Amino acid sequence: YRAAVRAKVAALMAQSPDTPGDVARAKQAECESLWRLAES
């Protein structure tokens, strides 16, 4: 549950138009990593 919550938050930041490109890419990678952790 905690990993899925943080994956969601990272995705929100990645998809926000106010997030700089490098930060958005890092947050997208973080989202995918946290999702894999949740699936594990």
Full PDB file with SEQRES, HELIX, SHEET, SSBOND, CRYST1, ORIGX, SCALE, CONECT and MASTER records, all heavy atoms in Angstrom:
SEQRES   1 A   40  TYR ARG ALA ALA VAL ARG ALA LYS VAL ALA ALA LEU MET          
SEQRES   2 A   40  ALA GLN SER PRO ASP THR PRO GLY ASP VAL ALA ARG ALA          
SEQRES   3 A   40  LYS GLN ALA GLU CYS GLU SER LEU TRP ARG LEU ALA GLU          
SEQRES   4 A   40  SER                                                          
HELIX    1 AA1 ARG A    2  GLN A   15  1                                  14    
HELIX    2 AA2 GLY A   21  GLU A   39  1                                  19    
CRYST1    1.000    1.000    1.000  90.00  90.00  90.00 P 1           1          
ORIGX1      1.000000  0.000000  0.000000        0.00000                         
ORIGX2      0.000000  1.000000  0.000000        0.00000                         
ORIGX3      0.000000  0.000000  1.000000        0.00000                         
SCALE1      1.000000  0.000000  0.000000        0.00000                         
SCALE2      0.000000  1.000000  0.000000        0.00000                         
SCALE3      0.000000  0.000000  1.000000        0.00000                         
ATOM      1  N   TYR A   1       0.827  -1.213   0.000  1.00  0.00           N  
ATOM      2  CA  TYR A   1       0.000   0.000   0.000  1.00  0.00           C  
ATOM      3  C   TYR A   1       0.859   1.260   0.000  1.00  0.00           C  
ATOM      4  O   TYR A   1       0.623   2.198  -0.778  1.00  0.00           O  
ATOM      5  CB  TYR A   1      -0.925  -0.008   1.222  1.00  0.00           C  
ATOM      6  CG  TYR A   1      -1.634   1.310   1.436  1.00  0.00           C  
ATOM      7  CD1 TYR A   1      -2.600   1.760   0.533  1.00  0.00           C  
ATOM      8  CD2 TYR A   1      -1.324   2.126   2.526  1.00  0.00           C  
ATOM      9  CE1 TYR A   1      -3.243   2.979   0.722  1.00  0.00           C  
ATOM     10  CE2 TYR A   1      -1.963   3.341   2.731  1.00  0.00           C  
ATOM     11  CZ  TYR A   1      -2.922   3.756   1.822  1.00  0.00           C  
ATOM     12  OH  TYR A   1      -3.548   4.976   2.004  1.00  0.00           O  
ATOM     13  N   ARG A   2       1.855   1.304   0.857  1.00  0.00           N  
ATOM     14  CA  ARG A   2       2.711   2.495   0.915  1.00  0.00           C  
ATOM     15  C   ARG A   2       3.449   2.717  -0.405  1.00  0.00           C  
ATOM     16  O   ARG A   2       3.595   3.855  -0.870  1.00  0.00           O  
ATOM     17  CB  ARG A   2       3.710   2.361   2.065  1.00  0.00           C  
ATOM     18  CG  ARG A   2       3.103   2.453   3.463  1.00  0.00           C  
ATOM     19  CD  ARG A   2       2.383   3.757   3.673  1.00  0.00           C  
ATOM     20  NE  ARG A   2       2.003   3.963   5.071  1.00  0.00           N  
ATOM     21  CZ  ARG A   2       1.194   4.930   5.478  1.00  0.00           C  
ATOM     22  NH1 ARG A   2       0.691   5.780   4.602  1.00  0.00           N  
ATOM     23  NH2 ARG A   2       0.876   5.072   6.757  1.00  0.00           N  
ATOM     24  N   ALA A   3       3.941   1.645  -1.025  1.00  0.00           N  
ATOM     25  CA  ALA A   3       4.648   1.777  -2.306  1.00  0.00           C  
ATOM     26  C   ALA A   3       3.698   2.269  -3.388  1.00  0.00           C  
ATOM     27  O   ALA A   3       4.071   3.109  -4.222  1.00  0.00           O  
ATOM     28  CB  ALA A   3       5.271   0.443  -2.694  1.00  0.00           C  
ATOM     29  N   ALA A   4       2.456   1.768  -3.404  1.00  0.00           N  
ATOM     30  CA  ALA A   4       1.485   2.204  -4.407  1.00  0.00           C  
ATOM     31  C   ALA A   4       1.113   3.669  -4.215  1.00  0.00           C  
ATOM     32  O   ALA A   4       0.930   4.413  -5.191  1.00  0.00           O  
ATOM     33  CB  ALA A   4       0.236   1.324  -4.335  1.00  0.00           C  
ATOM     34  N   VAL A   5       1.013   4.119  -2.958  1.00  0.00           N  
ATOM     35  CA  VAL A   5       0.730   5.526  -2.686  1.00  0.00           C  
ATOM     36  C   VAL A   5       1.852   6.407  -3.215  1.00  0.00           C  
ATOM     37  O   VAL A   5       1.618   7.414  -3.900  1.00  0.00           O  
ATOM     38  CB  VAL A   5       0.537   5.762  -1.171  1.00  0.00           C  
ATOM     39  CG1 VAL A   5       0.541   7.269  -0.851  1.00  0.00           C  
ATOM     40  CG2 VAL A   5      -0.767   5.137  -0.702  1.00  0.00           C  
ATOM     41  N   ARG A   6       3.090   6.026  -2.914  1.00  0.00           N  
ATOM     42  CA  ARG A   6       4.218   6.840  -3.372  1.00  0.00           C  
ATOM     43  C   ARG A   6       4.376   6.788  -4.885  1.00  0.00           C  
ATOM     44  O   ARG A   6       4.800   7.768  -5.508  1.00  0.00           O  
ATOM     45  CB  ARG A   6       5.506   6.384  -2.682  1.00  0.00           C  
ATOM     46  CG  ARG A   6       5.575   6.704  -1.198  1.00  0.00           C  
ATOM     47  CD  ARG A   6       5.343   8.173  -0.903  1.00  0.00           C  
ATOM     48  NE  ARG A   6       6.294   9.052  -1.570  1.00  0.00           N  
ATOM     49  CZ  ARG A   6       6.179  10.365  -1.645  1.00  0.00           C  
ATOM     50  NH1 ARG A   6       5.135  10.971  -1.118  1.00  0.00           N  
ATOM     51  NH2 ARG A   6       7.083  11.092  -2.263  1.00  0.00           N  
ATOM     52  N   ALA A   7       4.031   5.658  -5.508  1.00  0.00           N  
ATOM     53  CA  ALA A   7       4.065   5.574  -6.974  1.00  0.00           C  
ATOM     54  C   ALA A   7       3.075   6.564  -7.570  1.00  0.00           C  
ATOM     55  O   ALA A   7       3.370   7.252  -8.559  1.00  0.00           O  
ATOM     56  CB  ALA A   7       3.752   4.157  -7.426  1.00  0.00           C  
ATOM     57  N   LYS A   8       1.906   6.633  -6.959  1.00  0.00           N  
ATOM     58  CA  LYS A   8       0.892   7.588  -7.423  1.00  0.00           C  
ATOM     59  C   LYS A   8       1.378   9.030  -7.286  1.00  0.00           C  
ATOM     60  O   LYS A   8       1.228   9.840  -8.225  1.00  0.00           O  
ATOM     61  CB  LYS A   8      -0.389   7.387  -6.622  1.00  0.00           C  
ATOM     62  CG  LYS A   8      -1.508   8.364  -6.938  1.00  0.00           C  
ATOM     63  CD  LYS A   8      -2.649   8.235  -5.939  1.00  0.00           C  
ATOM     64  CE  LYS A   8      -2.258   8.694  -4.552  1.00  0.00           C  
ATOM     65  NZ  LYS A   8      -3.367   8.582  -3.579  1.00  0.00           N  
ATOM     66  N   VAL A   9       1.963   9.351  -6.141  1.00  0.00           N  
ATOM     67  CA  VAL A   9       2.452  10.717  -5.912  1.00  0.00           C  
ATOM     68  C   VAL A   9       3.554  11.067  -6.909  1.00  0.00           C  
ATOM     69  O   VAL A   9       3.583  12.174  -7.468  1.00  0.00           O  
ATOM     70  CB  VAL A   9       2.958  10.872  -4.464  1.00  0.00           C  
ATOM     71  CG1 VAL A   9       3.653  12.215  -4.271  1.00  0.00           C  
ATOM     72  CG2 VAL A   9       1.800  10.720  -3.480  1.00  0.00           C  
ATOM     73  N   ALA A  10       4.460  10.117  -7.150  1.00  0.00           N  
ATOM     74  CA  ALA A  10       5.534  10.356  -8.128  1.00  0.00           C  
ATOM     75  C   ALA A  10       4.959  10.582  -9.523  1.00  0.00           C  
ATOM     76  O   ALA A  10       5.430  11.454 -10.270  1.00  0.00           O  
ATOM     77  CB  ALA A  10       6.497   9.173  -8.136  1.00  0.00           C  
ATOM     78  N   ALA A  11       3.923   9.821  -9.881  1.00  0.00           N  
ATOM     79  CA  ALA A  11       3.294   9.992 -11.197  1.00  0.00           C  
ATOM     80  C   ALA A  11       2.626  11.356 -11.317  1.00  0.00           C  
ATOM     81  O   ALA A  11       2.694  12.006 -12.377  1.00  0.00           O  
ATOM     82  CB  ALA A  11       2.275   8.877 -11.424  1.00  0.00           C  
ATOM     83  N   LEU A  12       1.971  11.781 -10.246  1.00  0.00           N  
ATOM     84  CA  LEU A  12       1.343  13.102 -10.261  1.00  0.00           C  
ATOM     85  C   LEU A  12       2.365  14.189 -10.518  1.00  0.00           C  
ATOM     86  O   LEU A  12       2.124  15.122 -11.301  1.00  0.00           O  
ATOM     87  CB  LEU A  12       0.632  13.354  -8.927  1.00  0.00           C  
ATOM     88  CG  LEU A  12      -0.714  12.638  -8.727  1.00  0.00           C  
ATOM     89  CD1 LEU A  12      -1.142  12.724  -7.273  1.00  0.00           C  
ATOM     90  CD2 LEU A  12      -1.775  13.247  -9.634  1.00  0.00           C  
ATOM     91  N   MET A  13       3.515  14.078  -9.860  1.00  0.00           N  
ATOM     92  CA  MET A  13       4.563  15.071 -10.065  1.00  0.00           C  
ATOM     93  C   MET A  13       5.139  14.979 -11.469  1.00  0.00           C  
ATOM     94  O   MET A  13       5.421  15.996 -12.109  1.00  0.00           O  
ATOM     95  CB  MET A  13       5.665  14.894  -9.019  1.00  0.00           C  
ATOM     96  CG  MET A  13       5.219  15.196  -7.599  1.00  0.00           C  
ATOM     97  SD  MET A  13       6.568  15.143  -6.400  1.00  0.00           S  
ATOM     98  CE  MET A  13       7.555  16.553  -6.936  1.00  0.00           C  
ATOM     99  N   ALA A  14       5.303  13.755 -11.962  1.00  0.00           N  
ATOM    100  CA  ALA A  14       5.858  13.567 -13.309  1.00  0.00           C  
ATOM    101  C   ALA A  14       4.945  14.154 -14.364  1.00  0.00           C  
ATOM    102  O   ALA A  14       5.405  14.680 -15.392  1.00  0.00           O  
ATOM    103  CB  ALA A  14       6.099  12.085 -13.577  1.00  0.00           C  
ATOM    104  N   GLN A  15       3.627  14.063 -14.144  1.00  0.00           N  
ATOM    105  CA  GLN A  15       2.660  14.503 -15.148  1.00  0.00           C  
ATOM    106  C   GLN A  15       2.246  15.959 -14.999  1.00  0.00           C  
ATOM    107  O   GLN A  15       1.537  16.503 -15.856  1.00  0.00           O  
ATOM    108  CB  GLN A  15       1.429  13.598 -15.080  1.00  0.00           C  
ATOM    109  CG  GLN A  15       1.717  12.149 -15.466  1.00  0.00           C  
ATOM    110  CD  GLN A  15       0.519  11.232 -15.285  1.00  0.00           C  
ATOM    111  OE1 GLN A  15      -0.622  11.693 -15.229  1.00  0.00           O  
ATOM    112  NE2 GLN A  15       0.767   9.936 -15.193  1.00  0.00           N  
ATOM    113  N   SER A  16       2.672  16.599 -13.929  1.00  0.00           N  
ATOM    114  CA  SER A  16       2.307  17.997 -13.728  1.00  0.00           C  
ATOM    115  C   SER A  16       3.025  18.894 -14.735  1.00  0.00           C  
ATOM    116  O   SER A  16       4.238  18.772 -14.938  1.00  0.00           O  
ATOM    117  CB  SER A  16       2.672  18.442 -12.306  1.00  0.00           C  
ATOM    118  OG  SER A  16       2.504  19.848 -12.172  1.00  0.00           O  
ATOM    119  N   PRO A  17       2.300  19.814 -15.390  1.00  0.00           N  
ATOM    120  CA  PRO A  17       2.942  20.725 -16.357  1.00  0.00           C  
ATOM    121  C   PRO A  17       3.948  21.669 -15.702  1.00  0.00           C  
ATOM    122  O   PRO A  17       4.788  22.252 -16.392  1.00  0.00           O  
ATOM    123  CB  PRO A  17       1.753  21.491 -16.960  1.00  0.00           C  
ATOM    124  CG  PRO A  17       0.654  21.356 -15.965  1.00  0.00           C  
ATOM    125  CD  PRO A  17       0.850  20.033 -15.305  1.00  0.00           C  
ATOM    126  N   ASP A  18       3.878  21.825 -14.391  1.00  0.00           N  
ATOM    127  CA  ASP A  18       4.798  22.724 -13.689  1.00  0.00           C  
ATOM    128  C   ASP A  18       6.127  22.058 -13.345  1.00  0.00           C  
ATOM    129  O   ASP A  18       7.056  22.724 -12.879  1.00  0.00           O  
ATOM    130  CB  ASP A  18       4.157  23.222 -12.389  1.00  0.00           C  
ATOM    131  CG  ASP A  18       2.899  24.035 -12.639  1.00  0.00           C  
ATOM    132  OD1 ASP A  18       2.825  24.690 -13.697  1.00  0.00           O  
ATOM    133  OD2 ASP A  18       1.985  23.997 -11.783  1.00  0.00           O  
ATOM    134  N   THR A  19       6.232  20.733 -13.539  1.00  0.00           N  
ATOM    135  CA  THR A  19       7.446  20.012 -13.167  1.00  0.00           C  
ATOM    136  C   THR A  19       8.486  20.108 -14.287  1.00  0.00           C  
ATOM    137  O   THR A  19       8.185  19.761 -15.430  1.00  0.00           O  
ATOM    138  CB  THR A  19       7.140  18.532 -12.888  1.00  0.00           C  
ATOM    139  OG1 THR A  19       6.128  18.446 -11.880  1.00  0.00           O  
ATOM    140  CG2 THR A  19       8.379  17.794 -12.417  1.00  0.00           C  
ATOM    141  N   PRO A  20       9.719  20.582 -13.970  1.00  0.00           N  
ATOM    142  CA  PRO A  20      10.765  20.645 -15.002  1.00  0.00           C  
ATOM    143  C   PRO A  20      11.031  19.265 -15.605  1.00  0.00           C  
ATOM    144  O   PRO A  20      10.844  18.234 -14.953  1.00  0.00           O  
ATOM    145  CB  PRO A  20      11.988  21.153 -14.225  1.00  0.00           C  
ATOM    146  CG  PRO A  20      11.418  21.840 -13.023  1.00  0.00           C  
ATOM    147  CD  PRO A  20      10.168  21.094 -12.673  1.00  0.00           C  
ATOM    148  N   GLY A  21      11.505  19.257 -16.856  1.00  0.00           N  
ATOM    149  CA  GLY A  21      11.671  18.006 -17.594  1.00  0.00           C  
ATOM    150  C   GLY A  21      12.543  16.983 -16.903  1.00  0.00           C  
ATOM    151  O   GLY A  21      12.197  15.787 -16.843  1.00  0.00           O  
ATOM    152  N   ASP A  22      13.702  17.399 -16.358  1.00  0.00           N  
ATOM    153  CA  ASP A  22      14.593  16.430 -15.710  1.00  0.00           C  
ATOM    154  C   ASP A  22      13.970  15.852 -14.446  1.00  0.00           C  
ATOM    155  O   ASP A  22      14.114  14.660 -14.157  1.00  0.00           O  
ATOM    156  CB  ASP A  22      15.951  17.062 -15.401  1.00  0.00           C  
ATOM    157  CG  ASP A  22      15.827  18.309 -14.536  1.00  0.00           C  
ATOM    158  OD1 ASP A  22      14.733  18.924 -14.506  1.00  0.00           O  
ATOM    159  OD2 ASP A  22      16.826  18.675 -13.872  1.00  0.00           O  
ATOM    160  N   VAL A  23      13.241  16.688 -13.710  1.00  0.00           N  
ATOM    161  CA  VAL A  23      12.561  16.219 -12.503  1.00  0.00           C  
ATOM    162  C   VAL A  23      11.421  15.276 -12.882  1.00  0.00           C  
ATOM    163  O   VAL A  23      11.210  14.238 -12.238  1.00  0.00           O  
ATOM    164  CB  VAL A  23      12.028  17.403 -11.677  1.00  0.00           C  
ATOM    165  CG1 VAL A  23      11.228  16.907 -10.473  1.00  0.00           C  
ATOM    166  CG2 VAL A  23      13.178  18.290 -11.224  1.00  0.00           C  
ATOM    167  N   ALA A  24      10.703  15.604 -13.937  1.00  0.00           N  
ATOM    168  CA  ALA A  24       9.593  14.763 -14.391  1.00  0.00           C  
ATOM    169  C   ALA A  24      10.093  13.380 -14.785  1.00  0.00           C  
ATOM    170  O   ALA A  24       9.465  12.365 -14.456  1.00  0.00           O  
ATOM    171  CB  ALA A  24       8.881  15.423 -15.564  1.00  0.00           C  
ATOM    172  N   ARG A  25      11.220  13.323 -15.473  1.00  0.00           N  
ATOM    173  CA  ARG A  25      11.772  12.022 -15.881  1.00  0.00           C  
ATOM    174  C   ARG A  25      12.205  11.207 -14.658  1.00  0.00           C  
ATOM    175  O   ARG A  25      11.994   9.994 -14.592  1.00  0.00           O  
ATOM    176  CB  ARG A  25      12.940  12.230 -16.845  1.00  0.00           C  
ATOM    177  CG  ARG A  25      12.511  12.665 -18.252  1.00  0.00           C  
ATOM    178  CD  ARG A  25      13.692  12.679 -19.217  1.00  0.00           C  
ATOM    179  NE  ARG A  25      14.640  13.750 -18.901  1.00  0.00           N  
ATOM    180  CZ  ARG A  25      14.527  15.007 -19.340  1.00  0.00           C  
ATOM    181  NH1 ARG A  25      13.500  15.349 -20.105  1.00  0.00           N  
ATOM    182  NH2 ARG A  25      15.423  15.921 -19.032  1.00  0.00           N  
ATOM    183  N   ALA A  26      12.812  11.880 -13.700  1.00  0.00           N  
ATOM    184  CA  ALA A  26      13.232  11.184 -12.479  1.00  0.00           C  
ATOM    185  C   ALA A  26      12.021  10.662 -11.711  1.00  0.00           C  
ATOM    186  O   ALA A  26      12.041   9.540 -11.182  1.00  0.00           O  
ATOM    187  CB  ALA A  26      14.050  12.129 -11.595  1.00  0.00           C  
ATOM    188  N   LYS A  27      10.959  11.456 -11.662  1.00  0.00           N  
ATOM    189  CA  LYS A  27       9.753  11.025 -10.951  1.00  0.00           C  
ATOM    190  C   LYS A  27       9.062   9.871 -11.680  1.00  0.00           C  
ATOM    191  O   LYS A  27       8.484   8.988 -11.046  1.00  0.00           O  
ATOM    192  CB  LYS A  27       8.794  12.208 -10.785  1.00  0.00           C  
ATOM    193  CG  LYS A  27       9.243  13.198  -9.730  1.00  0.00           C  
ATOM    194  CD  LYS A  27       9.308  12.535  -8.346  1.00  0.00           C  
ATOM    195  CE  LYS A  27       9.870  13.416  -7.285  1.00  0.00           C  
ATOM    196  NZ  LYS A  27       9.975  12.720  -5.963  1.00  0.00           N  
ATOM    197  N   GLN A  28       9.124   9.878 -13.009  1.00  0.00           N  
ATOM    198  CA  GLN A  28       8.545   8.769 -13.756  1.00  0.00           C  
ATOM    199  C   GLN A  28       9.308   7.467 -13.463  1.00  0.00           C  
ATOM    200  O   GLN A  28       8.702   6.415 -13.258  1.00  0.00           O  
ATOM    201  CB  GLN A  28       8.584   9.070 -15.259  1.00  0.00           C  
ATOM    202  CG  GLN A  28       8.090   7.946 -16.151  1.00  0.00           C  
ATOM    203  CD  GLN A  28       6.658   7.531 -15.847  1.00  0.00           C  
ATOM    204  OE1 GLN A  28       5.849   8.360 -15.441  1.00  0.00           O  
ATOM    205  NE2 GLN A  28       6.346   6.256 -16.043  1.00  0.00           N  
ATOM    206  N   ALA A  29      10.629   7.566 -13.429  1.00  0.00           N  
ATOM    207  CA  ALA A  29      11.439   6.385 -13.101  1.00  0.00           C  
ATOM    208  C   ALA A  29      11.144   5.919 -11.676  1.00  0.00           C  
ATOM    209  O   ALA A  29      11.062   4.716 -11.404  1.00  0.00           O  
ATOM    210  CB  ALA A  29      12.920   6.709 -13.267  1.00  0.00           C  
ATOM    211  N   GLU A  30      10.977   6.879 -10.763  1.00  0.00           N  
ATOM    212  CA  GLU A  30      10.662   6.538  -9.379  1.00  0.00           C  
ATOM    213  C   GLU A  30       9.305   5.834  -9.291  1.00  0.00           C  
ATOM    214  O   GLU A  30       9.141   4.843  -8.564  1.00  0.00           O  
ATOM    215  CB  GLU A  30      10.639   7.811  -8.536  1.00  0.00           C  
ATOM    216  CG  GLU A  30      10.311   7.586  -7.067  1.00  0.00           C  
ATOM    217  CD  GLU A  30      10.210   8.898  -6.295  1.00  0.00           C  
ATOM    218  OE1 GLU A  30      10.893   9.880  -6.670  1.00  0.00           O  
ATOM    219  OE2 GLU A  30       9.436   8.938  -5.325  1.00  0.00           O  
ATOM    220  N   CYS A  31       8.348   6.332 -10.049  1.00  0.00           N  
ATOM    221  CA  CYS A  31       7.016   5.721 -10.078  1.00  0.00           C  
ATOM    222  C   CYS A  31       7.094   4.262 -10.511  1.00  0.00           C  
ATOM    223  O   CYS A  31       6.508   3.373  -9.867  1.00  0.00           O  
ATOM    224  CB  CYS A  31       6.102   6.508 -11.029  1.00  0.00           C  
ATOM    225  SG  CYS A  31       4.528   5.705 -11.370  1.00  0.00           S  
ATOM    226  N   GLU A  32       7.808   3.991 -11.584  1.00  0.00           N  
ATOM    227  CA  GLU A  32       7.906   2.624 -12.096  1.00  0.00           C  
ATOM    228  C   GLU A  32       8.639   1.718 -11.115  1.00  0.00           C  
ATOM    229  O   GLU A  32       8.270   0.551 -10.925  1.00  0.00           O  
ATOM    230  CB  GLU A  32       8.597   2.637 -13.458  1.00  0.00           C  
ATOM    231  CG  GLU A  32       7.773   3.350 -14.538  1.00  0.00           C  
ATOM    232  CD  GLU A  32       8.488   3.406 -15.885  1.00  0.00           C  
ATOM    233  OE1 GLU A  32       9.417   2.599 -16.100  1.00  0.00           O  
ATOM    234  OE2 GLU A  32       8.122   4.260 -16.718  1.00  0.00           O  
ATOM    235  N   SER A  33       9.681   2.233 -10.455  1.00  0.00           N  
ATOM    236  CA  SER A  33      10.431   1.449  -9.477  1.00  0.00           C  
ATOM    237  C   SER A  33       9.548   1.093  -8.287  1.00  0.00           C  
ATOM    238  O   SER A  33       9.540  -0.054  -7.809  1.00  0.00           O  
ATOM    239  CB  SER A  33      11.660   2.229  -9.013  1.00  0.00           C  
ATOM    240  OG  SER A  33      12.323   1.560  -7.976  1.00  0.00           O  
ATOM    241  N   LEU A  34       8.783   2.075  -7.806  1.00  0.00           N  
ATOM    242  CA  LEU A  34       7.906   1.835  -6.662  1.00  0.00           C  
ATOM    243  C   LEU A  34       6.781   0.870  -7.021  1.00  0.00           C  
ATOM    244  O   LEU A  34       6.356   0.060  -6.194  1.00  0.00           O  
ATOM    245  CB  LEU A  34       7.327   3.155  -6.162  1.00  0.00           C  
ATOM    246  CG  LEU A  34       8.311   4.046  -5.399  1.00  0.00           C  
ATOM    247  CD1 LEU A  34       7.772   5.461  -5.271  1.00  0.00           C  
ATOM    248  CD2 LEU A  34       8.604   3.467  -4.022  1.00  0.00           C  
ATOM    249  N   TRP A  35       6.319   0.948  -8.253  1.00  0.00           N  
ATOM    250  CA  TRP A  35       5.266   0.016  -8.676  1.00  0.00           C  
ATOM    251  C   TRP A  35       5.797  -1.422  -8.692  1.00  0.00           C  
ATOM    252  O   TRP A  35       5.112  -2.346  -8.266  1.00  0.00           O  
ATOM    253  CB  TRP A  35       4.726   0.406 -10.045  1.00  0.00           C  
ATOM    254  CG  TRP A  35       3.522  -0.409 -10.421  1.00  0.00           C  
ATOM    255  CD1 TRP A  35       3.476  -1.527 -11.197  1.00  0.00           C  
ATOM    256  CD2 TRP A  35       2.189  -0.190  -9.955  1.00  0.00           C  
ATOM    257  NE1 TRP A  35       2.201  -2.020 -11.261  1.00  0.00           N  
ATOM    258  CE2 TRP A  35       1.381  -1.211 -10.505  1.00  0.00           C  
ATOM    259  CE3 TRP A  35       1.592   0.768  -9.136  1.00  0.00           C  
ATOM    260  CZ2 TRP A  35       0.018  -1.301 -10.268  1.00  0.00           C  
ATOM    261  CZ3 TRP A  35       0.232   0.683  -8.902  1.00  0.00           C  
ATOM    262  CH2 TRP A  35      -0.543  -0.342  -9.461  1.00  0.00           C  
ATOM    263  N   ARG A  36       7.021  -1.595  -9.167  1.00  0.00           N  
ATOM    264  CA  ARG A  36       7.624  -2.939  -9.161  1.00  0.00           C  
ATOM    265  C   ARG A  36       7.768  -3.450  -7.721  1.00  0.00           C  
ATOM    266  O   ARG A  36       7.579  -4.639  -7.448  1.00  0.00           O  
ATOM    267  CB  ARG A  36       8.989  -2.924  -9.858  1.00  0.00           C  
ATOM    268  CG  ARG A  36       8.897  -2.786 -11.379  1.00  0.00           C  
ATOM    269  CD  ARG A  36      10.227  -3.097 -12.049  1.00  0.00           C  
ATOM    270  NE  ARG A  36      11.265  -2.147 -11.651  1.00  0.00           N  
ATOM    271  CZ  ARG A  36      11.495  -0.989 -12.281  1.00  0.00           C  
ATOM    272  NH1 ARG A  36      10.745  -0.630 -13.318  1.00  0.00           N  
ATOM    273  NH2 ARG A  36      12.464  -0.193 -11.880  1.00  0.00           N  
ATOM    274  N   LEU A  37       8.118  -2.542  -6.811  1.00  0.00           N  
ATOM    275  CA  LEU A  37       8.232  -2.937  -5.403  1.00  0.00           C  
ATOM    276  C   LEU A  37       6.875  -3.393  -4.875  1.00  0.00           C  
ATOM    277  O   LEU A  37       6.773  -4.407  -4.177  1.00  0.00           O  
ATOM    278  CB  LEU A  37       8.762  -1.762  -4.577  1.00  0.00           C  
ATOM    279  CG  LEU A  37       9.155  -2.041  -3.130  1.00  0.00           C  
ATOM    280  CD1 LEU A  37      10.187  -1.021  -2.667  1.00  0.00           C  
ATOM    281  CD2 LEU A  37       7.964  -1.982  -2.194  1.00  0.00           C  
ATOM    282  N   ALA A  38       5.807  -2.634  -5.216  1.00  0.00           N  
ATOM    283  CA  ALA A  38       4.465  -3.018  -4.780  1.00  0.00           C  
ATOM    284  C   ALA A  38       4.088  -4.384  -5.340  1.00  0.00           C  
ATOM    285  O   ALA A  38       3.526  -5.229  -4.635  1.00  0.00           O  
ATOM    286  CB  ALA A  38       3.451  -1.957  -5.216  1.00  0.00           C  
ATOM    287  N   GLU A  39       4.405  -4.630  -6.601  1.00  0.00           N  
ATOM    288  CA  GLU A  39       4.085  -5.915  -7.219  1.00  0.00           C  
ATOM    289  C   GLU A  39       4.864  -7.058  -6.582  1.00  0.00           C  
ATOM    290  O   GLU A  39       4.380  -8.189  -6.523  1.00  0.00           O  
ATOM    291  CB  GLU A  39       4.371  -5.864  -8.720  1.00  0.00           C  
ATOM    292  CG  GLU A  39       3.375  -5.016  -9.504  1.00  0.00           C  
ATOM    293  CD  GLU A  39       3.652  -5.014 -10.999  1.00  0.00           C  
ATOM    294  OE1 GLU A  39       4.850  -4.996 -11.375  1.00  0.00           O  
ATOM    295  OE2 GLU A  39       2.693  -5.023 -11.785  1.00  0.00           O  
ATOM    296  N   SER A  40       6.075  -6.772  -6.101  1.00  0.00           N  
ATOM    297  CA  SER A  40       6.887  -7.830  -5.502  1.00  0.00           C  
ATOM    298  C   SER A  40       6.263  -8.378  -4.232  1.00  0.00           C  
ATOM    299  O   SER A  40       6.568  -9.492  -3.812  1.00  0.00           O  
ATOM    300  CB  SER A  40       8.297  -7.306  -5.193  1.00  0.00           C  
ATOM    301  OG  SER A  40       8.280  -6.397  -4.096  1.00  0.00           O  
TER     302      SER A  40                                                      
MASTER        0    0    0    2    0    0    0    6  301    1    0    4          
END                                                                             
